[in-house]
Every structure is written in C-alpha cells, then in structure tokens.
Amino acid sequence: MLLFKTFLTGILLVSLQGCSKKVEARRPITATTGSSIQQSIEKNKKLNAAEENAIENIIKNLDEKFERSANGFYYTFVKKDSIVGVHPKFGDRVTFEYDVVSLNGDTIYKKEELSPITKSLDQEYGIFRGMRAALKLMKTGEELIVFFPSYTAYGYYGDNNRIGANTPFKSRVRLLGITVEK
C-alpha cells in the first residue's frame, strides 16, 4: 500500500510540474531562405529565353512573317478571313483541330490523333493556356501556324504522354466552328 501511495504521489508531482512549465514554440531544424526560390526563377528565365531564342531562329528562316502575341507565342495566319466574323470569347464553345510538331520537325501528334476537339474556352483543364489565347485570335475557317514556348503550352509537366517537360512546339491550328454562349 505504501508503494502504491508513493507511486500516486510521484505521478501527481510530475503532472503538476508539467503544467507549470511555459509552452515554447518549436523551432525549425533548418531555416530556409529565398535563395532556392530565386535560383528557380533564374533557371526558368534562362529556359524561357533559350526557348524563345530557338523559336526566333527558326522563324527568321521561314517565308512567313510571324507576330509575337502578348501571351508569349509566335503566330502567323495561313488562312485569314477578311469578311467580318466573330472571334470566340471566354465561355464560348469552339471546335478546332491541330497537330503538334517538335521544333526540329518531328511529328509528336498528327491532327487526326487529336482532332476535332470541341471545348469551352473557360475549361482550364481542356485547352492549354497558349491554345486558348490563339483560338481567340481566329474566326471560323481561319488557320494559324503557332510556335508555343513551353510556358504557354504544357509547361513543367508535359502532357504525361508524348510531350515532355519544358517542351516548346509548333502547331497548325484550324478553327472549325464557334458556338457563342449567352
């Protein structure tokens, strides 16, 4: 019985002592600085500059005159409709076809493998960023040749199939139809 009372007294003292201590915040084992983020930013800037330089070197040797869009891709109209028509806007459904060709000319996807596609321009997961912007430049029946740097296309992840990470490419895009949403 004495042993039991001593045991209970010991537990009581330990628990009271634990309550009287001030709780201190735990400190991280390692402190990180912004240097790794800055290194990543610098690496991406160099990658983007190299991709744009490669694209500019290709298009300067072509007969067509390419424009650089505000979104970062380069394009030229193969077929342009001079008649007044409507350009698709955010929320409209578009039907289009395109192919994917590497910068060195290897076909990654034939248009028959990908097309036709009907998607809403507000579906972020359905159309990559550069393609959404390119489609907004077009009217039904028009056709573009577009060079997409990787940051306007599939970026760091690729398409999880044939387009690898950080892969710029060329596409021939044709807008087949627009369904204007109210």
N, C-alpha and C. Protein backbone atom coordinates (compact mmCIF):
# COMPACT_ATOMS: atom_id res chain seq x y z
N MET A 1 0.82 -1.18 0.00
CA MET A 1 0.00 0.00 0.00
C MET A 1 0.87 1.25 0.00
N LEU A 2 1.95 1.24 0.76
CA LEU A 2 2.87 2.37 0.81
C LEU A 2 3.48 2.62 -0.57
N LEU A 3 3.79 1.54 -1.24
CA LEU A 3 4.34 1.64 -2.59
C LEU A 3 3.35 2.30 -3.54
N PHE A 4 2.08 1.95 -3.41
CA PHE A 4 1.03 2.50 -4.26
C PHE A 4 0.88 4.00 -4.00
N LYS A 5 0.89 4.43 -2.69
CA LYS A 5 0.77 5.85 -2.35
C LYS A 5 1.97 6.63 -2.86
N THR A 6 3.13 6.06 -2.78
CA THR A 6 4.35 6.72 -3.28
C THR A 6 4.26 6.89 -4.79
N PHE A 7 3.77 5.85 -5.45
CA PHE A 7 3.61 5.90 -6.90
C PHE A 7 2.63 6.99 -7.31
N LEU A 8 1.47 7.06 -6.64
CA LEU A 8 0.47 8.08 -6.96
C LEU A 8 1.00 9.48 -6.67
N THR A 9 1.75 9.64 -5.60
CA THR A 9 2.34 10.93 -5.26
C THR A 9 3.34 11.35 -6.34
N GLY A 10 4.12 10.41 -6.80
CA GLY A 10 5.10 10.70 -7.86
C GLY A 10 4.42 11.14 -9.15
N ILE A 11 3.35 10.47 -9.52
CA ILE A 11 2.60 10.84 -10.73
C ILE A 11 1.99 12.22 -10.58
N LEU A 12 1.45 12.52 -9.40
CA LEU A 12 0.86 13.82 -9.14
C LEU A 12 1.89 14.92 -9.25
N LEU A 13 3.06 14.73 -8.68
CA LEU A 13 4.12 15.73 -8.73
C LEU A 13 4.60 15.96 -10.17
N VAL A 14 4.76 14.89 -10.92
CA VAL A 14 5.21 15.01 -12.31
C VAL A 14 4.17 15.76 -13.14
N SER A 15 2.90 15.44 -12.96
CA SER A 15 1.86 16.10 -13.75
C SER A 15 1.73 17.57 -13.37
N LEU A 16 1.87 17.92 -12.09
CA LEU A 16 1.81 19.31 -11.68
C LEU A 16 3.01 20.09 -12.21
N GLN A 17 4.15 19.45 -12.20
CA GLN A 17 5.35 20.09 -12.69
C GLN A 17 5.22 20.35 -14.20
N GLY A 18 4.61 19.41 -14.93
CA GLY A 18 4.42 19.56 -16.37
C GLY A 18 3.48 20.70 -16.70
N CYS A 19 2.50 20.94 -15.86
CA CYS A 19 1.53 22.02 -16.10
C CYS A 19 2.12 23.38 -15.83
N SER A 20 3.09 23.44 -14.93
CA SER A 20 3.62 24.74 -14.56
C SER A 20 4.62 25.27 -15.58
N LYS A 21 5.10 24.42 -16.47
CA LYS A 21 6.08 24.88 -17.46
C LYS A 21 5.40 25.74 -18.51
N LYS A 22 6.14 26.71 -19.00
CA LYS A 22 5.67 27.57 -20.07
C LYS A 22 5.83 26.84 -21.40
N VAL A 23 4.84 26.87 -22.25
CA VAL A 23 4.91 26.20 -23.54
C VAL A 23 5.71 27.09 -24.49
N GLU A 24 6.74 26.51 -25.09
CA GLU A 24 7.56 27.25 -26.03
C GLU A 24 7.32 26.72 -27.44
N ALA A 25 7.31 27.62 -28.38
CA ALA A 25 7.14 27.22 -29.78
C ALA A 25 8.36 26.43 -30.23
N ARG A 26 8.11 25.42 -31.04
CA ARG A 26 9.22 24.64 -31.58
C ARG A 26 9.87 25.42 -32.71
N ARG A 27 11.14 25.34 -32.78
CA ARG A 27 11.91 26.00 -33.84
C ARG A 27 12.18 25.00 -34.95
N PRO A 28 12.21 25.46 -36.20
CA PRO A 28 12.52 24.53 -37.29
C PRO A 28 13.97 24.05 -37.19
N ILE A 29 14.17 22.84 -37.64
CA ILE A 29 15.52 22.29 -37.62
C ILE A 29 16.40 23.02 -38.61
N THR A 30 15.85 23.29 -39.79
CA THR A 30 16.60 24.05 -40.79
C THR A 30 15.77 25.25 -41.20
N ALA A 31 16.42 26.33 -41.34
CA ALA A 31 15.74 27.54 -41.79
C ALA A 31 16.00 27.70 -43.28
N THR A 32 14.94 27.94 -44.05
CA THR A 32 15.12 28.14 -45.48
C THR A 32 15.12 29.62 -45.79
N THR A 33 15.82 29.94 -46.81
CA THR A 33 15.85 31.32 -47.27
C THR A 33 15.21 31.38 -48.64
N GLY A 34 15.10 32.53 -49.18
CA GLY A 34 14.53 32.69 -50.51
C GLY A 34 15.51 32.36 -51.62
N SER A 35 16.70 31.89 -51.29
CA SER A 35 17.70 31.65 -52.32
C SER A 35 17.29 30.54 -53.28
N SER A 36 16.64 29.47 -52.79
CA SER A 36 16.23 28.40 -53.69
C SER A 36 15.13 28.88 -54.63
N ILE A 37 14.26 29.72 -54.14
CA ILE A 37 13.21 30.29 -54.99
C ILE A 37 13.85 31.19 -56.04
N GLN A 38 14.80 31.98 -55.62
CA GLN A 38 15.49 32.88 -56.56
C GLN A 38 16.25 32.07 -57.62
N GLN A 39 16.87 30.97 -57.22
CA GLN A 39 17.57 30.11 -58.18
C GLN A 39 16.59 29.53 -59.19
N SER A 40 15.41 29.13 -58.72
CA SER A 40 14.39 28.58 -59.62
C SER A 40 13.91 29.64 -60.61
N ILE A 41 13.72 30.85 -60.13
CA ILE A 41 13.30 31.95 -61.01
C ILE A 41 14.35 32.20 -62.08
N GLU A 42 15.61 32.24 -61.68
CA GLU A 42 16.70 32.47 -62.64
C GLU A 42 16.78 31.34 -63.66
N LYS A 43 16.62 30.10 -63.20
CA LYS A 43 16.66 28.94 -64.10
C LYS A 43 15.53 29.03 -65.12
N ASN A 44 14.32 29.40 -64.67
CA ASN A 44 13.18 29.50 -65.58
C ASN A 44 13.34 30.65 -66.56
N LYS A 45 13.92 31.75 -66.13
CA LYS A 45 14.17 32.86 -67.04
C LYS A 45 15.12 32.43 -68.15
N LYS A 46 16.17 31.69 -67.79
CA LYS A 46 17.13 31.21 -68.79
C LYS A 46 16.48 30.22 -69.74
N LEU A 47 15.66 29.33 -69.20
CA LEU A 47 14.96 28.35 -70.02
C LEU A 47 14.03 29.04 -71.01
N ASN A 48 13.24 30.01 -70.53
CA ASN A 48 12.32 30.74 -71.40
C ASN A 48 13.07 31.51 -72.47
N ALA A 49 14.17 32.14 -72.12
CA ALA A 49 14.97 32.88 -73.10
C ALA A 49 15.54 31.94 -74.15
N ALA A 50 16.01 30.77 -73.74
CA ALA A 50 16.56 29.79 -74.69
C ALA A 50 15.48 29.29 -75.64
N GLU A 51 14.28 29.02 -75.12
CA GLU A 51 13.18 28.55 -75.97
C GLU A 51 12.78 29.63 -76.97
N GLU A 52 12.64 30.86 -76.51
CA GLU A 52 12.26 31.94 -77.40
C GLU A 52 13.33 32.19 -78.45
N ASN A 53 14.59 32.09 -78.06
CA ASN A 53 15.69 32.26 -79.00
C ASN A 53 15.65 31.17 -80.07
N ALA A 54 15.40 29.92 -79.67
CA ALA A 54 15.30 28.81 -80.62
C ALA A 54 14.15 29.04 -81.60
N ILE A 55 13.01 29.48 -81.09
CA ILE A 55 11.85 29.75 -81.96
C ILE A 55 12.16 30.89 -82.91
N GLU A 56 12.75 31.97 -82.41
CA GLU A 56 13.07 33.12 -83.27
C GLU A 56 14.07 32.73 -84.36
N ASN A 57 15.03 31.86 -84.04
CA ASN A 57 15.98 31.40 -85.06
C ASN A 57 15.30 30.57 -86.14
N ILE A 58 14.29 29.80 -85.77
CA ILE A 58 13.55 29.02 -86.76
C ILE A 58 12.72 29.92 -87.65
N ILE A 59 11.97 30.85 -87.05
CA ILE A 59 11.03 31.65 -87.86
C ILE A 59 11.73 32.69 -88.71
N LYS A 60 12.94 33.09 -88.36
CA LYS A 60 13.63 34.07 -89.21
C LYS A 60 14.05 33.45 -90.54
N ASN A 61 14.11 32.12 -90.61
CA ASN A 61 14.46 31.43 -91.85
C ASN A 61 13.24 30.98 -92.64
N LEU A 62 12.05 31.32 -92.17
CA LEU A 62 10.82 30.96 -92.88
C LEU A 62 10.33 32.11 -93.73
N ASP A 63 9.53 31.79 -94.73
CA ASP A 63 8.99 32.82 -95.63
C ASP A 63 7.89 33.66 -94.97
N GLU A 64 7.11 33.03 -94.09
CA GLU A 64 6.01 33.73 -93.44
C GLU A 64 6.52 34.72 -92.41
N LYS A 65 5.73 35.77 -92.20
CA LYS A 65 6.06 36.76 -91.17
C LYS A 65 5.26 36.42 -89.92
N PHE A 66 5.96 36.18 -88.83
CA PHE A 66 5.32 35.82 -87.56
C PHE A 66 5.24 37.01 -86.64
N GLU A 67 4.17 37.03 -85.85
CA GLU A 67 3.99 38.05 -84.82
C GLU A 67 4.13 37.37 -83.46
N ARG A 68 4.59 38.14 -82.50
CA ARG A 68 4.64 37.64 -81.12
C ARG A 68 3.39 38.15 -80.41
N SER A 69 2.63 37.23 -79.83
CA SER A 69 1.42 37.64 -79.13
C SER A 69 1.77 38.17 -77.75
N ALA A 70 0.84 38.84 -77.13
CA ALA A 70 1.02 39.33 -75.77
C ALA A 70 1.15 38.17 -74.78
N ASN A 71 0.70 36.98 -75.20
CA ASN A 71 0.75 35.79 -74.35
C ASN A 71 2.06 35.03 -74.48
N GLY A 72 2.95 35.45 -75.39
CA GLY A 72 4.27 34.85 -75.48
C GLY A 72 4.49 33.87 -76.62
N PHE A 73 3.46 33.53 -77.38
CA PHE A 73 3.66 32.62 -78.50
C PHE A 73 3.80 33.41 -79.80
N TYR A 74 4.31 32.74 -80.83
CA TYR A 74 4.52 33.37 -82.14
C TYR A 74 3.54 32.75 -83.12
N TYR A 75 2.92 33.57 -83.97
CA TYR A 75 1.89 33.04 -84.88
C TYR A 75 1.89 33.79 -86.20
N THR A 76 1.35 33.10 -87.20
CA THR A 76 1.08 33.71 -88.49
C THR A 76 -0.17 33.05 -89.05
N PHE A 77 -0.95 33.83 -89.78
CA PHE A 77 -2.15 33.28 -90.41
C PHE A 77 -1.78 32.59 -91.71
N VAL A 78 -2.24 31.36 -91.88
CA VAL A 78 -2.10 30.64 -93.13
C VAL A 78 -3.31 30.95 -93.99
N LYS A 79 -4.46 31.01 -93.33
CA LYS A 79 -5.72 31.33 -94.00
C LYS A 79 -6.44 32.32 -93.11
N LYS A 80 -6.71 33.50 -93.66
CA LYS A 80 -7.37 34.56 -92.89
C LYS A 80 -8.62 34.97 -93.63
N ASP A 81 -9.70 35.13 -92.90
CA ASP A 81 -10.98 35.54 -93.48
C ASP A 81 -11.11 37.05 -93.32
N SER A 82 -11.20 37.74 -94.45
CA SER A 82 -11.30 39.20 -94.38
C SER A 82 -12.73 39.67 -94.15
N ILE A 83 -13.67 38.76 -94.26
CA ILE A 83 -15.07 39.12 -94.02
C ILE A 83 -15.28 39.21 -92.51
N VAL A 84 -16.13 40.15 -92.13
CA VAL A 84 -16.40 40.35 -90.71
C VAL A 84 -17.00 39.07 -90.13
N GLY A 85 -16.42 38.62 -89.07
CA GLY A 85 -16.90 37.43 -88.38
C GLY A 85 -16.69 37.61 -86.90
N VAL A 86 -17.03 36.59 -86.15
CA VAL A 86 -16.90 36.72 -84.70
C VAL A 86 -15.70 35.91 -84.23
N HIS A 87 -15.01 36.46 -83.26
CA HIS A 87 -13.92 35.78 -82.58
C HIS A 87 -14.51 35.14 -81.32
N PRO A 88 -14.07 33.95 -80.97
CA PRO A 88 -14.60 33.35 -79.74
C PRO A 88 -14.14 34.13 -78.51
N LYS A 89 -14.98 34.11 -77.51
CA LYS A 89 -14.68 34.78 -76.25
C LYS A 89 -14.74 33.75 -75.11
N PHE A 90 -14.30 34.16 -73.96
CA PHE A 90 -14.34 33.31 -72.78
C PHE A 90 -15.75 32.75 -72.59
N GLY A 91 -15.87 31.45 -72.45
CA GLY A 91 -17.16 30.81 -72.24
C GLY A 91 -17.76 30.21 -73.50
N ASP A 92 -17.34 30.69 -74.68
CA ASP A 92 -17.85 30.14 -75.94
C ASP A 92 -17.28 28.74 -76.15
N ARG A 93 -18.02 27.91 -76.88
CA ARG A 93 -17.53 26.58 -77.24
C ARG A 93 -16.91 26.67 -78.63
N VAL A 94 -15.76 26.07 -78.78
CA VAL A 94 -15.06 26.08 -80.06
C VAL A 94 -14.79 24.65 -80.51
N THR A 95 -14.81 24.46 -81.81
CA THR A 95 -14.40 23.19 -82.41
C THR A 95 -13.20 23.51 -83.26
N PHE A 96 -12.12 22.79 -83.04
CA PHE A 96 -10.87 23.09 -83.74
C PHE A 96 -10.07 21.82 -83.94
N GLU A 97 -9.05 21.94 -84.79
CA GLU A 97 -8.13 20.84 -84.99
C GLU A 97 -6.71 21.39 -84.98
N TYR A 98 -5.78 20.57 -84.55
CA TYR A 98 -4.38 20.99 -84.52
C TYR A 98 -3.47 19.77 -84.49
N ASP A 99 -2.20 20.02 -84.81
CA ASP A 99 -1.19 18.99 -84.69
C ASP A 99 -0.11 19.51 -83.75
N VAL A 100 0.83 18.66 -83.40
CA VAL A 100 1.95 19.06 -82.55
C VAL A 100 3.22 18.54 -83.20
N VAL A 101 4.13 19.47 -83.52
CA VAL A 101 5.40 19.13 -84.17
C VAL A 101 6.53 19.74 -83.34
N SER A 102 7.56 18.96 -83.08
CA SER A 102 8.70 19.48 -82.30
C SER A 102 9.41 20.56 -83.11
N LEU A 103 10.24 21.34 -82.45
CA LEU A 103 10.96 22.41 -83.13
C LEU A 103 11.93 21.87 -84.18
N ASN A 104 12.37 20.61 -84.04
CA ASN A 104 13.26 20.05 -85.06
C ASN A 104 12.50 19.36 -86.19
N GLY A 105 11.15 19.44 -86.17
CA GLY A 105 10.34 18.94 -87.27
C GLY A 105 9.74 17.57 -87.10
N ASP A 106 9.99 16.91 -85.98
CA ASP A 106 9.41 15.59 -85.74
C ASP A 106 7.95 15.73 -85.31
N THR A 107 7.08 14.91 -85.91
CA THR A 107 5.67 14.95 -85.54
C THR A 107 5.48 14.25 -84.20
N ILE A 108 4.89 14.97 -83.26
CA ILE A 108 4.58 14.41 -81.94
C ILE A 108 3.16 13.85 -81.95
N TYR A 109 2.21 14.65 -82.45
CA TYR A 109 0.83 14.21 -82.65
C TYR A 109 0.37 14.68 -84.03
N LYS A 110 -0.23 13.78 -84.78
CA LYS A 110 -0.87 14.17 -86.04
C LYS A 110 -2.23 14.75 -85.69
N LYS A 111 -2.74 15.62 -86.56
CA LYS A 111 -4.04 16.23 -86.24
C LYS A 111 -5.14 15.19 -86.15
N GLU A 112 -5.01 14.09 -86.88
CA GLU A 112 -6.03 13.03 -86.83
C GLU A 112 -6.09 12.37 -85.45
N GLU A 113 -4.99 12.39 -84.73
CA GLU A 113 -4.97 11.79 -83.39
C GLU A 113 -5.65 12.68 -82.36
N LEU A 114 -5.65 13.97 -82.60
CA LEU A 114 -6.15 14.93 -81.61
C LEU A 114 -7.50 15.53 -81.97
N SER A 115 -7.87 15.50 -83.22
CA SER A 115 -8.94 16.34 -83.71
C SER A 115 -10.13 15.54 -84.20
N PRO A 116 -11.28 16.18 -84.37
CA PRO A 116 -11.60 17.54 -83.91
C PRO A 116 -11.88 17.55 -82.41
N ILE A 117 -11.66 18.70 -81.83
CA ILE A 117 -11.88 18.90 -80.41
C ILE A 117 -12.95 19.97 -80.25
N THR A 118 -13.91 19.73 -79.39
CA THR A 118 -14.91 20.74 -79.05
C THR A 118 -14.82 20.97 -77.55
N LYS A 119 -14.48 22.18 -77.18
CA LYS A 119 -14.31 22.52 -75.77
C LYS A 119 -14.80 23.95 -75.54
N SER A 120 -15.12 24.22 -74.29
CA SER A 120 -15.43 25.58 -73.89
C SER A 120 -14.13 26.30 -73.58
N LEU A 121 -14.03 27.55 -73.97
CA LEU A 121 -12.80 28.30 -73.72
C LEU A 121 -12.58 28.61 -72.25
N ASP A 122 -13.57 28.33 -71.40
CA ASP A 122 -13.35 28.57 -69.97
C ASP A 122 -12.94 27.30 -69.23
N GLN A 123 -12.80 26.18 -69.93
CA GLN A 123 -12.38 24.94 -69.29
C GLN A 123 -10.86 24.91 -69.23
N GLU A 124 -10.33 25.30 -68.08
CA GLU A 124 -8.88 25.38 -67.91
C GLU A 124 -8.21 24.04 -68.19
N TYR A 125 -8.84 22.95 -67.80
CA TYR A 125 -8.22 21.65 -67.96
C TYR A 125 -8.32 21.12 -69.38
N GLY A 126 -9.16 21.70 -70.21
CA GLY A 126 -9.41 21.15 -71.53
C GLY A 126 -8.49 21.66 -72.61
N ILE A 127 -8.08 22.89 -72.52
CA ILE A 127 -7.24 23.52 -73.54
C ILE A 127 -6.11 24.24 -72.82
N PHE A 128 -4.88 24.01 -73.27
CA PHE A 128 -3.76 24.67 -72.61
C PHE A 128 -3.80 26.18 -72.89
N ARG A 129 -3.15 26.93 -72.03
CA ARG A 129 -3.25 28.39 -71.99
C ARG A 129 -2.95 29.06 -73.33
N GLY A 130 -1.86 28.68 -73.98
CA GLY A 130 -1.49 29.29 -75.25
C GLY A 130 -2.52 29.03 -76.34
N MET A 131 -3.07 27.82 -76.37
CA MET A 131 -4.07 27.48 -77.38
C MET A 131 -5.35 28.28 -77.16
N ARG A 132 -5.76 28.46 -75.91
CA ARG A 132 -6.96 29.28 -75.65
C ARG A 132 -6.76 30.68 -76.21
N ALA A 133 -5.58 31.25 -75.99
CA ALA A 133 -5.31 32.61 -76.48
C ALA A 133 -5.23 32.64 -78.00
N ALA A 134 -4.64 31.62 -78.60
CA ALA A 134 -4.54 31.57 -80.07
C ALA A 134 -5.92 31.46 -80.71
N LEU A 135 -6.78 30.64 -80.13
CA LEU A 135 -8.13 30.47 -80.68
C LEU A 135 -8.93 31.77 -80.63
N LYS A 136 -8.66 32.60 -79.64
CA LYS A 136 -9.37 33.88 -79.52
C LYS A 136 -8.96 34.86 -80.61
N LEU A 137 -7.86 34.61 -81.30
CA LEU A 137 -7.41 35.47 -82.41
C LEU A 137 -8.10 35.12 -83.72
N MET A 138 -8.77 33.98 -83.77
CA MET A 138 -9.27 33.42 -85.02
C MET A 138 -10.78 33.58 -85.18
N LYS A 139 -11.21 33.45 -86.44
CA LYS A 139 -12.62 33.34 -86.79
C LYS A 139 -12.82 31.97 -87.43
N THR A 140 -14.05 31.53 -87.54
CA THR A 140 -14.33 30.22 -88.14
C THR A 140 -13.71 30.13 -89.53
N GLY A 141 -13.03 29.02 -89.77
CA GLY A 141 -12.41 28.76 -91.06
C GLY A 141 -10.97 29.24 -91.17
N GLU A 142 -10.51 30.02 -90.22
CA GLU A 142 -9.14 30.52 -90.28
C GLU A 142 -8.16 29.48 -89.77
N GLU A 143 -6.91 29.65 -90.21
CA GLU A 143 -5.86 28.70 -89.86
C GLU A 143 -4.59 29.46 -89.48
N LEU A 144 -3.95 28.99 -88.42
CA LEU A 144 -2.72 29.60 -87.91
C LEU A 144 -1.60 28.57 -87.85
N ILE A 145 -0.37 29.07 -87.98
CA ILE A 145 0.80 28.30 -87.56
C ILE A 145 1.28 29.01 -86.30
N VAL A 146 1.45 28.24 -85.25
CA VAL A 146 1.80 28.81 -83.95
C VAL A 146 3.01 28.09 -83.37
N PHE A 147 3.96 28.86 -82.86
CA PHE A 147 5.08 28.31 -82.10
C PHE A 147 4.81 28.62 -80.63
N PHE A 148 4.64 27.57 -79.84
CA PHE A 148 4.35 27.72 -78.42
C PHE A 148 5.60 27.44 -77.58
N PRO A 149 6.12 28.44 -76.84
CA PRO A 149 7.13 28.12 -75.84
C PRO A 149 6.48 27.26 -74.76
N SER A 150 7.26 26.48 -74.05
CA SER A 150 6.68 25.53 -73.10
C SER A 150 5.82 26.20 -72.04
N TYR A 151 6.17 27.42 -71.63
CA TYR A 151 5.39 28.07 -70.57
C TYR A 151 3.99 28.48 -71.04
N THR A 152 3.75 28.53 -72.36
CA THR A 152 2.40 28.79 -72.86
C THR A 152 1.70 27.51 -73.26
N ALA A 153 2.43 26.39 -73.21
CA ALA A 153 1.87 25.10 -73.63
C ALA A 153 1.69 24.20 -72.42
N TYR A 154 2.42 23.10 -72.37
CA TYR A 154 2.23 22.12 -71.31
C TYR A 154 3.20 22.28 -70.14
N GLY A 155 4.10 23.25 -70.23
CA GLY A 155 4.95 23.62 -69.11
C GLY A 155 5.82 22.53 -68.53
N TYR A 156 5.96 22.59 -67.23
CA TYR A 156 6.87 21.73 -66.50
C TYR A 156 6.46 20.26 -66.53
N TYR A 157 5.16 19.97 -66.64
CA TYR A 157 4.69 18.60 -66.54
C TYR A 157 4.56 17.89 -67.88
N GLY A 158 4.50 18.63 -68.98
CA GLY A 158 4.23 17.99 -70.26
C GLY A 158 2.78 17.52 -70.29
N ASP A 159 2.47 16.64 -71.24
CA ASP A 159 1.09 16.15 -71.31
C ASP A 159 0.95 14.75 -70.73
N ASN A 160 1.98 14.30 -70.02
CA ASN A 160 2.02 12.96 -69.41
C ASN A 160 1.92 11.85 -70.45
N ASN A 161 2.28 12.16 -71.69
CA ASN A 161 2.27 11.16 -72.74
C ASN A 161 3.48 11.37 -73.64
N ARG A 162 3.31 12.08 -74.74
CA ARG A 162 4.39 12.26 -75.70
C ARG A 162 5.10 13.60 -75.60
N ILE A 163 4.48 14.57 -75.00
CA ILE A 163 5.10 15.89 -74.85
C ILE A 163 5.78 15.93 -73.49
N GLY A 164 7.08 16.08 -73.51
CA GLY A 164 7.85 16.07 -72.27
C GLY A 164 7.79 17.40 -71.54
N ALA A 165 8.45 17.42 -70.41
CA ALA A 165 8.53 18.64 -69.59
C ALA A 165 9.30 19.71 -70.35
N ASN A 166 8.84 20.94 -70.22
CA ASN A 166 9.51 22.10 -70.83
C ASN A 166 9.78 21.91 -72.32
N THR A 167 8.77 21.47 -73.06
CA THR A 167 8.92 21.22 -74.49
C THR A 167 8.17 22.27 -75.30
N PRO A 168 8.89 23.14 -76.00
CA PRO A 168 8.22 24.06 -76.92
C PRO A 168 7.87 23.29 -78.20
N PHE A 169 6.84 23.73 -78.91
CA PHE A 169 6.48 23.04 -80.14
C PHE A 169 5.74 23.97 -81.10
N LYS A 170 5.54 23.46 -82.29
CA LYS A 170 4.84 24.17 -83.36
C LYS A 170 3.52 23.46 -83.61
N SER A 171 2.47 24.22 -83.91
CA SER A 171 1.17 23.65 -84.24
C SER A 171 0.56 24.37 -85.42
N ARG A 172 -0.18 23.63 -86.19
CA ARG A 172 -1.02 24.21 -87.24
C ARG A 172 -2.44 24.06 -86.71
N VAL A 173 -3.11 25.18 -86.48
CA VAL A 173 -4.42 25.19 -85.82
C VAL A 173 -5.47 25.71 -86.80
N ARG A 174 -6.59 25.01 -86.88
CA ARG A 174 -7.70 25.46 -87.72
C ARG A 174 -8.96 25.51 -86.89
N LEU A 175 -9.63 26.65 -86.88
CA LEU A 175 -10.88 26.82 -86.14
C LEU A 175 -12.03 26.40 -87.03
N LEU A 176 -12.73 25.36 -86.61
CA LEU A 176 -13.82 24.78 -87.42
C LEU A 176 -15.18 25.39 -87.10
N GLY A 177 -15.37 25.85 -85.87
CA GLY A 177 -16.66 26.41 -85.52
C GLY A 177 -16.66 27.05 -84.15
N ILE A 178 -17.63 27.95 -83.96
CA ILE A 178 -17.79 28.65 -82.68
C ILE A 178 -19.26 28.57 -82.31
N THR A 179 -19.53 28.20 -81.09
CA THR A 179 -20.89 28.28 -80.54
C THR A 179 -20.86 29.35 -79.47
N VAL A 180 -21.48 30.48 -79.77
CA VAL A 180 -21.47 31.61 -78.85
C VAL A 180 -22.43 31.31 -77.69
N GLU A 181 -21.90 31.39 -76.49
CA GLU A 181 -22.71 31.16 -75.30
C GLU A 181 -23.27 32.49 -74.81
N LYS A 182 -24.51 32.46 -74.40
CA LYS A 182 -25.17 33.68 -73.92
C LYS A 182 -24.81 33.94 -72.48
